[in-house]
Amino acid sequence: MRVTQGMLATNSLRHLSQSYSNMGKYQDQLATGKKINRPSDDPVVAIKGMYYRTNLTEVEQYKRNLSEAYQWMESSESGIEHATQVIQRVRELVVKGNTGTNSPEDLKAIGVEIGQLKEDLANVANTQVAGRYIFNGTKTDSAPVTIDDSGISVDMNTAAFNVEVSNGVKLKVNINPTNVFGSELFNTLQSIEDALNSGSIESGDEFLSKIDEHFDVMSAERSEIGARYNRLEMIDTRIQDQEIIASRILSENEDADIERVITDLTIQESIHRASLAVSSKIIQPSLMDFLR
């Protein structure tokens, strides 16, 4: 086959163009730190990257859900603890008023404090997290306890408020509010307050028995949310492990090996310089060179 000067020049230019393309690829990898910059560079890596990135996005969403679950549970546990302290104080006041040594004025003073504690419980029952009432089940847009001139009224929703904390796993993050701030508790406190304000407390032992019952129910509810909180921490640990694994897999799939890229770029630059040197000798001759 006859090889002409034009063929040599065309092939040299084609190879130089390919050399420039290879150098550009390595320079892009070095600049971005990624193996590919467009799906056409390596479709397999691109498809796997989409799948791995989707997994990582799901894990990040579960972490945000976990943060919300922590807020609900911690706020709920804090509300139960506060209610427990209030009930303990109420019990102390009832014991004090049941001694039989208090004057009617003393009993009324105790009744005033009971009334303040009752209103404090109502305010705790209306606790909000991020603008949502956490002690009203799924009706998070309305207050479960209403305080007005006629007294305290309770309208609580007891449905479970679930948060998805893992793939297919939903965890209840609220409590049964009636076990802590139910109408029976407020009725008991109102009965105690009325008895004290009347200047006598004849049913002191009965009141103490009811207070103890409320206290036991609160303690049981606190134990239940504590158990769910422990499970939440275990799920959180597993989600963190999944995030580390997903990030590592995504990095292995997409991130370039910088040391290898630098080596390949250096080799390609050497090849390119050699190609330029050879091409200059091939393309340099002209018709005048042959005529000489």
C-alpha atoms as a PDB file:
ATOM      1  CA  MET A   1       0.000   0.000   0.000  1.00  0.00           C
ATOM      2  CA  ARG A   2       1.333   3.392  -0.930  1.00  0.00           C
ATOM      3  CA  VAL A   3       1.734   5.732   2.035  1.00  0.00           C
ATOM      4  CA  THR A   4       1.562   9.382   1.081  1.00  0.00           C
ATOM      5  CA  GLN A   5       2.681  12.458   2.956  1.00  0.00           C
ATOM      6  CA  GLY A   6      -0.954  13.422   3.436  1.00  0.00           C
ATOM      7  CA  MET A   7      -1.729  10.114   5.075  1.00  0.00           C
ATOM      8  CA  LEU A   8       1.182  10.565   7.462  1.00  0.00           C
ATOM      9  CA  ALA A   9       0.074  14.071   8.347  1.00  0.00           C
ATOM     10  CA  THR A  10      -3.572  13.034   8.834  1.00  0.00           C
ATOM     11  CA  ASN A  11      -2.654  10.114  11.090  1.00  0.00           C
ATOM     12  CA  SER A  12      -0.291  12.296  13.090  1.00  0.00           C
ATOM     13  CA  LEU A  13      -2.963  14.927  13.652  1.00  0.00           C
ATOM     14  CA  ARG A  14      -5.507  12.255  14.642  1.00  0.00           C
ATOM     15  CA  HIS A  15      -3.130  10.770  17.201  1.00  0.00           C
ATOM     16  CA  LEU A  16      -2.268  14.208  18.539  1.00  0.00           C
ATOM     17  CA  SER A  17      -5.968  14.940  18.960  1.00  0.00           C
ATOM     18  CA  GLN A  18      -6.432  11.680  20.864  1.00  0.00           C
ATOM     19  CA  SER A  19      -3.431  12.526  23.014  1.00  0.00           C
ATOM     20  CA  TYR A  20      -4.946  15.914  23.829  1.00  0.00           C
ATOM     21  CA  SER A  21      -8.213  14.171  24.715  1.00  0.00           C
ATOM     22  CA  ASN A  22      -6.455  11.782  27.107  1.00  0.00           C
ATOM     23  CA  MET A  23      -4.591  14.644  28.739  1.00  0.00           C
ATOM     24  CA  GLY A  24      -7.840  16.548  29.106  1.00  0.00           C
ATOM     25  CA  LYS A  25      -9.474  13.548  30.790  1.00  0.00           C
ATOM     26  CA  TYR A  26      -6.698  13.224  33.359  1.00  0.00           C
ATOM     27  CA  GLN A  27      -6.661  16.965  33.987  1.00  0.00           C
ATOM     28  CA  ASP A  28     -10.428  16.926  34.594  1.00  0.00           C
ATOM     29  CA  GLN A  29     -10.041  14.042  37.057  1.00  0.00           C
ATOM     30  CA  LEU A  30      -7.254  15.882  38.839  1.00  0.00           C
ATOM     31  CA  ALA A  31      -9.256  19.122  39.011  1.00  0.00           C
ATOM     32  CA  THR A  32     -12.556  17.570  40.166  1.00  0.00           C
ATOM     33  CA  GLY A  33     -11.288  14.542  42.079  1.00  0.00           C
ATOM     34  CA  LYS A  34     -13.882  12.393  40.286  1.00  0.00           C
ATOM     35  CA  LYS A  35     -13.432   9.470  37.923  1.00  0.00           C
ATOM     36  CA  ILE A  36     -16.102  10.758  35.557  1.00  0.00           C
ATOM     37  CA  ASN A  37     -17.577  14.178  34.857  1.00  0.00           C
ATOM     38  CA  ARG A  38     -20.397  13.056  32.561  1.00  0.00           C
ATOM     39  CA  PRO A  39     -22.319   9.771  32.247  1.00  0.00           C
ATOM     40  CA  SER A  40     -20.776   9.066  28.852  1.00  0.00           C
ATOM     41  CA  ASP A  41     -17.311   8.844  30.463  1.00  0.00           C
ATOM     42  CA  ASP A  42     -18.309   5.552  32.114  1.00  0.00           C
ATOM     43  CA  PRO A  43     -22.023   4.575  32.108  1.00  0.00           C
ATOM     44  CA  VAL A  44     -21.501   1.761  34.636  1.00  0.00           C
ATOM     45  CA  VAL A  45     -19.912   4.088  37.204  1.00  0.00           C
ATOM     46  CA  ALA A  46     -22.640   6.665  36.543  1.00  0.00           C
ATOM     47  CA  ILE A  47     -25.499   4.183  37.089  1.00  0.00           C
ATOM     48  CA  LYS A  48     -23.931   2.786  40.254  1.00  0.00           C
ATOM     49  CA  GLY A  49     -23.330   6.327  41.477  1.00  0.00           C
ATOM     50  CA  MET A  50     -27.028   7.163  41.099  1.00  0.00           C
ATOM     51  CA  TYR A  51     -27.975   4.081  43.110  1.00  0.00           C
ATOM     52  CA  TYR A  52     -25.415   4.721  45.860  1.00  0.00           C
ATOM     53  CA  ARG A  53     -26.352   8.390  46.053  1.00  0.00           C
ATOM     54  CA  THR A  54     -30.018   7.467  46.446  1.00  0.00           C
ATOM     55  CA  ASN A  55     -29.117   5.213  49.379  1.00  0.00           C
ATOM     56  CA  LEU A  56     -27.077   7.988  50.973  1.00  0.00           C
ATOM     57  CA  THR A  57     -29.937  10.466  50.516  1.00  0.00           C
ATOM     58  CA  GLU A  58     -32.332   8.043  52.240  1.00  0.00           C
ATOM     59  CA  VAL A  59     -29.942   7.645  55.160  1.00  0.00           C
ATOM     60  CA  GLU A  60     -29.632  11.427  55.498  1.00  0.00           C
ATOM     61  CA  GLN A  61     -33.429  11.729  55.566  1.00  0.00           C
ATOM     62  CA  TYR A  62     -33.657   9.068  58.276  1.00  0.00           C
ATOM     63  CA  LYS A  63     -31.111  11.045  60.299  1.00  0.00           C
ATOM     64  CA  ARG A  64     -33.357  14.111  60.087  1.00  0.00           C
ATOM     65  CA  ASN A  65     -36.316  11.960  61.156  1.00  0.00           C
ATOM     66  CA  LEU A  66     -34.273  10.657  64.085  1.00  0.00           C
ATOM     67  CA  SER A  67     -33.553  14.217  65.162  1.00  0.00           C
ATOM     68  CA  GLU A  68     -37.284  14.941  65.198  1.00  0.00           C
ATOM     69  CA  ALA A  69     -37.963  11.715  67.134  1.00  0.00           C
ATOM     70  CA  TYR A  70     -35.349  12.694  69.722  1.00  0.00           C
ATOM     71  CA  GLN A  71     -37.020  16.085  70.167  1.00  0.00           C
ATOM     72  CA  TRP A  72     -40.441  14.539  70.711  1.00  0.00           C
ATOM     73  CA  MET A  73     -39.261  11.868  73.126  1.00  0.00           C
ATOM     74  CA  GLU A  74     -36.976  14.126  75.127  1.00  0.00           C
ATOM     75  CA  SER A  75     -39.655  16.809  75.388  1.00  0.00           C
ATOM     76  CA  SER A  76     -42.248  14.191  76.361  1.00  0.00           C
ATOM     77  CA  GLU A  77     -39.974  12.715  79.003  1.00  0.00           C
ATOM     78  CA  SER A  78     -39.254  16.197  80.340  1.00  0.00           C
ATOM     79  CA  GLY A  79     -42.987  16.888  80.534  1.00  0.00           C
ATOM     80  CA  ILE A  80     -43.601  13.669  82.472  1.00  0.00           C
ATOM     81  CA  GLU A  81     -40.758  14.481  84.854  1.00  0.00           C
ATOM     82  CA  HIS A  82     -42.184  17.940  85.492  1.00  0.00           C
ATOM     83  CA  ALA A  83     -45.663  16.497  86.036  1.00  0.00           C
ATOM     84  CA  THR A  84     -44.210  13.981  88.488  1.00  0.00           C
ATOM     85  CA  GLN A  85     -42.575  16.768  90.474  1.00  0.00           C
ATOM     86  CA  VAL A  86     -45.863  18.682  90.536  1.00  0.00           C
ATOM     87  CA  ILE A  87     -47.753  15.623  91.783  1.00  0.00           C
ATOM     88  CA  GLN A  88     -45.163  15.077  94.492  1.00  0.00           C
ATOM     89  CA  ARG A  89     -45.594  18.684  95.611  1.00  0.00           C
ATOM     90  CA  VAL A  90     -49.379  18.274  95.579  1.00  0.00           C
ATOM     91  CA  ARG A  91     -49.041  15.198  97.759  1.00  0.00           C
ATOM     92  CA  GLU A  92     -46.877  17.098 100.228  1.00  0.00           C
ATOM     93  CA  LEU A  93     -49.470  19.865 100.408  1.00  0.00           C
ATOM     94  CA  VAL A  94     -52.326  17.391 100.899  1.00  0.00           C
ATOM     95  CA  VAL A  95     -50.405  15.670 103.703  1.00  0.00           C
ATOM     96  CA  LYS A  96     -49.758  19.070 105.250  1.00  0.00           C
ATOM     97  CA  GLY A  97     -53.412  20.045 104.998  1.00  0.00           C
ATOM     98  CA  ASN A  98     -54.578  16.674 106.347  1.00  0.00           C
ATOM     99  CA  THR A  99     -52.809  17.014 109.690  1.00  0.00           C
ATOM    100  CA  GLY A 100     -55.842  18.646 111.342  1.00  0.00           C
ATOM    101  CA  THR A 101     -53.753  21.460 112.803  1.00  0.00           C
ATOM    102  CA  ASN A 102     -54.385  24.025 110.087  1.00  0.00           C
ATOM    103  CA  SER A 103     -56.785  26.919 110.320  1.00  0.00           C
ATOM    104  CA  PRO A 104     -59.270  27.559 107.537  1.00  0.00           C
ATOM    105  CA  GLU A 105     -57.033  30.379 106.293  1.00  0.00           C
ATOM    106  CA  ASP A 106     -54.067  28.006 106.157  1.00  0.00           C
ATOM    107  CA  LEU A 107     -56.084  25.511 104.142  1.00  0.00           C
ATOM    108  CA  LYS A 108     -57.191  28.208 101.712  1.00  0.00           C
ATOM    109  CA  ALA A 109     -53.544  29.247 101.248  1.00  0.00           C
ATOM    110  CA  ILE A 110     -52.684  25.633 100.431  1.00  0.00           C
ATOM    111  CA  GLY A 111     -55.632  25.559  98.033  1.00  0.00           C
ATOM    112  CA  VAL A 112     -54.261  28.594  96.195  1.00  0.00           C
ATOM    113  CA  GLU A 113     -50.959  26.816  95.646  1.00  0.00           C
ATOM    114  CA  ILE A 114     -52.799  23.693  94.454  1.00  0.00           C
ATOM    115  CA  GLY A 115     -54.620  25.869  91.934  1.00  0.00           C
ATOM    116  CA  GLN A 116     -51.347  27.289  90.647  1.00  0.00           C
ATOM    117  CA  LEU A 117     -49.879  23.805  90.310  1.00  0.00           C
ATOM    118  CA  LYS A 118     -52.978  22.706  88.415  1.00  0.00           C
ATOM    119  CA  GLU A 119     -52.576  25.547  85.910  1.00  0.00           C
ATOM    120  CA  ASP A 120     -48.867  24.760  85.613  1.00  0.00           C
ATOM    121  CA  LEU A 121     -49.743  21.181  84.637  1.00  0.00           C
ATOM    122  CA  ALA A 122     -52.183  22.501  82.036  1.00  0.00           C
ATOM    123  CA  ASN A 123     -49.449  24.658  80.515  1.00  0.00           C
ATOM    124  CA  VAL A 124     -47.064  21.687  80.395  1.00  0.00           C
ATOM    125  CA  ALA A 125     -49.781  19.616  78.696  1.00  0.00           C
ATOM    126  CA  ASN A 126     -49.812  22.254  75.942  1.00  0.00           C
ATOM    127  CA  THR A 127     -46.081  21.927  75.259  1.00  0.00           C
ATOM    128  CA  GLN A 128     -45.144  22.537  71.635  1.00  0.00           C
ATOM    129  CA  VAL A 129     -42.175  21.312  69.593  1.00  0.00           C
ATOM    130  CA  ALA A 130     -41.617  23.124  66.300  1.00  0.00           C
ATOM    131  CA  GLY A 131     -45.141  24.545  66.555  1.00  0.00           C
ATOM    132  CA  ARG A 132     -46.830  21.190  67.159  1.00  0.00           C
ATOM    133  CA  TYR A 133     -48.537  20.014  70.350  1.00  0.00           C
ATOM    134  CA  ILE A 134     -46.756  16.839  71.425  1.00  0.00           C
ATOM    135  CA  PHE A 135     -49.359  15.736  73.993  1.00  0.00           C
ATOM    136  CA  ASN A 136     -52.331  15.553  71.654  1.00  0.00           C
ATOM    137  CA  GLY A 137     -51.689  12.470  69.530  1.00  0.00           C
ATOM    138  CA  THR A 138     -52.019  13.157  65.815  1.00  0.00           C
ATOM    139  CA  LYS A 139     -53.994  16.383  66.368  1.00  0.00           C
ATOM    140  CA  THR A 140     -50.798  18.353  66.686  1.00  0.00           C
ATOM    141  CA  ASP A 141     -52.374  21.602  65.486  1.00  0.00           C
ATOM    142  CA  SER A 142     -54.702  22.054  68.475  1.00  0.00           C
ATOM    143  CA  ALA A 143     -54.078  22.413  72.197  1.00  0.00           C
ATOM    144  CA  PRO A 144     -55.214  19.425  74.285  1.00  0.00           C
ATOM    145  CA  VAL A 145     -56.003  21.530  77.371  1.00  0.00           C
ATOM    146  CA  THR A 146     -57.990  24.759  77.453  1.00  0.00           C
ATOM    147  CA  ILE A 147     -57.774  27.232  80.319  1.00  0.00           C
ATOM    148  CA  ASP A 148     -60.507  29.869  80.659  1.00  0.00           C
ATOM    149  CA  ASP A 149     -62.628  31.564  83.293  1.00  0.00           C
ATOM    150  CA  SER A 150     -64.837  28.493  83.623  1.00  0.00           C
ATOM    151  CA  GLY A 151     -61.860  26.283  84.483  1.00  0.00           C
ATOM    152  CA  ILE A 152     -59.772  23.688  82.700  1.00  0.00           C
ATOM    153  CA  SER A 153     -61.191  21.486  79.972  1.00  0.00           C
ATOM    154  CA  VAL A 154     -59.367  18.517  78.439  1.00  0.00           C
ATOM    155  CA  ASP A 155     -59.856  17.208  74.894  1.00  0.00           C
ATOM    156  CA  MET A 156     -56.991  14.858  74.082  1.00  0.00           C
ATOM    157  CA  ASN A 157     -56.268  12.687  71.086  1.00  0.00           C
ATOM    158  CA  THR A 158     -54.526   9.422  72.015  1.00  0.00           C
ATOM    159  CA  ALA A 159     -53.545   8.210  68.528  1.00  0.00           C
ATOM    160  CA  ALA A 160     -49.926   7.197  68.017  1.00  0.00           C
ATOM    161  CA  PHE A 161     -47.674   9.713  66.264  1.00  0.00           C
ATOM    162  CA  ASN A 162     -45.201   7.610  64.289  1.00  0.00           C
ATOM    163  CA  VAL A 163     -41.940   8.666  62.651  1.00  0.00           C
ATOM    164  CA  GLU A 164     -40.152   6.527  60.046  1.00  0.00           C
ATOM    165  CA  VAL A 165     -36.656   6.096  61.451  1.00  0.00           C
ATOM    166  CA  SER A 166     -35.441   3.388  59.070  1.00  0.00           C
ATOM    167  CA  ASN A 167     -36.527   1.593  55.916  1.00  0.00           C
ATOM    168  CA  GLY A 168     -39.985   0.242  56.752  1.00  0.00           C
ATOM    169  CA  VAL A 169     -39.544   0.942  60.483  1.00  0.00           C
ATOM    170  CA  LYS A 170     -41.876   3.441  62.154  1.00  0.00           C
ATOM    171  CA  LEU A 171     -41.463   4.280  65.825  1.00  0.00           C
ATOM    172  CA  LYS A 172     -44.059   5.838  68.105  1.00  0.00           C
ATOM    173  CA  VAL A 173     -42.557   9.039  69.510  1.00  0.00           C
ATOM    174  CA  ASN A 174     -45.409  10.369  71.625  1.00  0.00           C
ATOM    175  CA  ILE A 175     -46.971   9.174  74.852  1.00  0.00           C
ATOM    176  CA  ASN A 176     -50.544   8.425  75.857  1.00  0.00           C
ATOM    177  CA  PRO A 177     -51.346  11.915  77.199  1.00  0.00           C
ATOM    178  CA  THR A 178     -54.351  10.783  79.214  1.00  0.00           C
ATOM    179  CA  ASN A 179     -52.003   8.794  81.465  1.00  0.00           C
ATOM    180  CA  VAL A 180     -50.172  11.977  82.425  1.00  0.00           C
ATOM    181  CA  PHE A 181     -52.480  14.940  81.794  1.00  0.00           C
ATOM    182  CA  GLY A 182     -55.880  13.279  81.655  1.00  0.00           C
ATOM    183  CA  SER A 183     -59.135  14.821  82.795  1.00  0.00           C
ATOM    184  CA  GLU A 184     -59.172  12.536  85.853  1.00  0.00           C
ATOM    185  CA  LEU A 185     -55.973  14.157  87.133  1.00  0.00           C
ATOM    186  CA  PHE A 186     -57.352  17.677  86.730  1.00  0.00           C
ATOM    187  CA  ASN A 187     -60.657  16.611  88.338  1.00  0.00           C
ATOM    188  CA  THR A 188     -58.733  15.262  91.331  1.00  0.00           C
ATOM    189  CA  LEU A 189     -56.739  18.483  91.666  1.00  0.00           C
ATOM    190  CA  GLN A 190     -59.909  20.546  91.341  1.00  0.00           C
ATOM    191  CA  SER A 191     -61.602  18.463  94.061  1.00  0.00           C
ATOM    192  CA  ILE A 192     -58.616  18.973  96.368  1.00  0.00           C
ATOM    193  CA  GLU A 193     -58.584  22.706  95.659  1.00  0.00           C
ATOM    194  CA  ASP A 194     -62.326  23.016  96.333  1.00  0.00           C
ATOM    195  CA  ALA A 195     -62.033  21.092  99.597  1.00  0.00           C
ATOM    196  CA  LEU A 196     -59.171  23.281 100.792  1.00  0.00           C
ATOM    197  CA  ASN A 197     -60.936  26.481  99.802  1.00  0.00           C
ATOM    198  CA  SER A 198     -63.970  25.374 101.803  1.00  0.00           C
ATOM    199  CA  GLY A 199     -61.806  25.461 104.926  1.00  0.00           C
ATOM    200  CA  SER A 200     -61.811  21.711 105.620  1.00  0.00           C
ATOM    201  CA  ILE A 201     -60.372  18.597 104.013  1.00  0.00           C
ATOM    202  CA  GLU A 202     -62.264  15.549 105.239  1.00  0.00           C
ATOM    203  CA  SER A 203     -61.312  13.225 102.378  1.00  0.00           C
ATOM    204  CA  GLY A 204     -57.560  13.710 102.730  1.00  0.00           C
ATOM    205  CA  ASP A 205     -56.745   9.995 102.767  1.00  0.00           C
ATOM    206  CA  GLU A 206     -58.874   9.402  99.688  1.00  0.00           C
ATOM    207  CA  PHE A 207     -57.127  12.253  97.894  1.00  0.00           C
ATOM    208  CA  LEU A 208     -53.734  10.802  98.794  1.00  0.00           C
ATOM    209  CA  SER A 209     -54.786   7.440  97.399  1.00  0.00           C
ATOM    210  CA  LYS A 210     -55.855   9.025  94.103  1.00  0.00           C
ATOM    211  CA  ILE A 211     -52.626  11.015  93.880  1.00  0.00           C
ATOM    212  CA  ASP A 212     -50.608   7.828  94.364  1.00  0.00           C
ATOM    213  CA  GLU A 213     -52.573   6.163  91.565  1.00  0.00           C
ATOM    214  CA  HIS A 214     -51.813   9.073  89.206  1.00  0.00           C
ATOM    215  CA  PHE A 215     -48.174   8.907  90.220  1.00  0.00           C
ATOM    216  CA  ASP A 216     -47.975   5.179  89.429  1.00  0.00           C
ATOM    217  CA  VAL A 217     -49.548   5.701  85.991  1.00  0.00           C
ATOM    218  CA  MET A 218     -47.072   8.500  85.227  1.00  0.00           C
ATOM    219  CA  SER A 219     -44.151   6.316  86.272  1.00  0.00           C
ATOM    220  CA  ALA A 220     -45.334   3.488  84.020  1.00  0.00           C
ATOM    221  CA  GLU A 221     -45.674   5.873  81.061  1.00  0.00           C
ATOM    222  CA  ARG A 222     -42.210   7.244  81.745  1.00  0.00           C
ATOM    223  CA  SER A 223     -40.771   3.725  81.776  1.00  0.00           C
ATOM    224  CA  GLU A 224     -42.412   2.945  78.430  1.00  0.00           C
ATOM    225  CA  ILE A 225     -41.035   6.023  76.698  1.00  0.00           C
ATOM    226  CA  GLY A 226     -37.637   5.262  78.227  1.00  0.00           C
ATOM    227  CA  ALA A 227     -37.684   1.819  76.595  1.00  0.00           C
ATOM    228  CA  ARG A 228     -38.591   3.344  73.229  1.00  0.00           C
ATOM    229  CA  TYR A 229     -35.840   5.926  73.642  1.00  0.00           C
ATOM    230  CA  ASN A 230     -33.301   3.141  74.129  1.00  0.00           C
ATOM    231  CA  ARG A 231     -34.501   1.501  70.922  1.00  0.00           C
ATOM    232  CA  LEU A 232     -34.227   4.854  69.152  1.00  0.00           C
ATOM    233  CA  GLU A 233     -30.582   5.161  70.209  1.00  0.00           C
ATOM    234  CA  MET A 234     -29.857   1.679  68.831  1.00  0.00           C
ATOM    235  CA  ILE A 235     -31.473   2.610  65.507  1.00  0.00           C
ATOM    236  CA  ASP A 236     -29.478   5.842  65.484  1.00  0.00           C
ATOM    237  CA  THR A 237     -26.234   3.896  65.878  1.00  0.00           C
ATOM    238  CA  ARG A 238     -27.186   1.597  63.000  1.00  0.00           C
ATOM    239  CA  ILE A 239     -28.112   4.570  60.770  1.00  0.00           C
ATOM    240  CA  GLN A 240     -24.746   6.182  61.478  1.00  0.00           C
ATOM    241  CA  ASP A 241     -22.999   2.959  60.460  1.00  0.00           C
ATOM    242  CA  GLN A 242     -25.077   2.841  57.276  1.00  0.00           C
ATOM    243  CA  GLU A 243     -24.119   6.423  56.467  1.00  0.00           C
ATOM    244  CA  ILE A 244     -20.411   5.649  56.847  1.00  0.00           C
ATOM    245  CA  ILE A 245     -20.716   2.557  54.642  1.00  0.00           C
ATOM    246  CA  ALA A 246     -22.793   4.373  51.993  1.00  0.00           C
ATOM    247  CA  SER A 247     -20.341   7.283  51.902  1.00  0.00           C
ATOM    248  CA  ARG A 248     -17.378   4.927  51.545  1.00  0.00           C
ATOM    249  CA  ILE A 249     -18.991   2.947  48.729  1.00  0.00           C
ATOM    250  CA  LEU A 250     -19.951   6.156  46.903  1.00  0.00           C
ATOM    251  CA  SER A 251     -16.396   7.448  47.278  1.00  0.00           C
ATOM    252  CA  GLU A 252     -14.886   4.215  45.986  1.00  0.00           C
ATOM    253  CA  ASN A 253     -17.209   4.311  42.988  1.00  0.00           C
ATOM    254  CA  GLU A 254     -16.781   7.964  41.981  1.00  0.00           C
ATOM    255  CA  ASP A 255     -13.635   9.426  43.540  1.00  0.00           C
ATOM    256  CA  ALA A 256     -10.462   9.300  41.487  1.00  0.00           C
ATOM    257  CA  ASP A 257      -7.207   7.853  42.785  1.00  0.00           C
ATOM    258  CA  ILE A 258      -5.231  11.105  42.793  1.00  0.00           C
ATOM    259  CA  GLU A 259      -1.810   9.442  42.913  1.00  0.00           C
ATOM    260  CA  ARG A 260      -2.678   7.224  39.948  1.00  0.00           C
ATOM    261  CA  VAL A 261      -4.141  10.167  38.026  1.00  0.00           C
ATOM    262  CA  ILE A 262      -0.965  12.211  38.528  1.00  0.00           C
ATOM    263  CA  THR A 263       1.130   9.268  37.339  1.00  0.00           C
ATOM    264  CA  ASP A 264      -1.064   8.697  34.275  1.00  0.00           C
ATOM    265  CA  LEU A 265      -1.050  12.417  33.478  1.00  0.00           C
ATOM    266  CA  THR A 266       2.740  12.559  33.692  1.00  0.00           C
ATOM    267  CA  ILE A 267       3.074   9.540  31.396  1.00  0.00           C
ATOM    268  CA  GLN A 268       0.556  11.016  28.958  1.00  0.00           C
ATOM    269  CA  GLU A 269       2.435  14.334  28.894  1.00  0.00           C
ATOM    270  CA  SER A 270       5.644  12.473  28.034  1.00  0.00           C
ATOM    271  CA  ILE A 271       3.876  10.563  25.284  1.00  0.00           C
ATOM    272  CA  HIS A 272       2.349  13.773  23.988  1.00  0.00           C
ATOM    273  CA  ARG A 273       5.707  15.548  23.832  1.00  0.00           C
ATOM    274  CA  ALA A 274       7.188  12.615  21.963  1.00  0.00           C
ATOM    275  CA  SER A 275       4.252  12.659  19.548  1.00  0.00           C
ATOM    276  CA  LEU A 276       4.723  16.358  18.938  1.00  0.00           C
ATOM    277  CA  ALA A 277       8.404  15.831  18.232  1.00  0.00           C
ATOM    278  CA  VAL A 278       7.746  13.029  15.742  1.00  0.00           C
ATOM    279  CA  SER A 279       4.857  14.851  14.103  1.00  0.00           C
ATOM    280  CA  SER A 280       6.999  17.936  13.604  1.00  0.00           C
ATOM    281  CA  LYS A 281       9.406  15.877  11.535  1.00  0.00           C
ATOM    282  CA  ILE A 282       6.617  14.305   9.478  1.00  0.00           C
ATOM    283  CA  ILE A 283       4.592  17.439   8.823  1.00  0.00           C
ATOM    284  CA  GLN A 284       7.586  19.732   8.383  1.00  0.00           C
ATOM    285  CA  PRO A 285       8.643  18.663   4.799  1.00  0.00           C
ATOM    286  CA  SER A 286       7.024  20.633   1.973  1.00  0.00           C
ATOM    287  CA  LEU A 287       7.050  20.378  -1.835  1.00  0.00           C
ATOM    288  CA  MET A 288      10.143  22.526  -1.949  1.00  0.00           C
ATOM    289  CA  ASP A 289      11.937  19.992   0.265  1.00  0.00           C
ATOM    290  CA  PHE A 290      11.217  17.258  -2.322  1.00  0.00           C
ATOM    291  CA  LEU A 291      12.221  19.468  -5.262  1.00  0.00           C
ATOM    292  CA  ARG A 292      15.631  20.047  -3.759  1.00  0.00           C
END
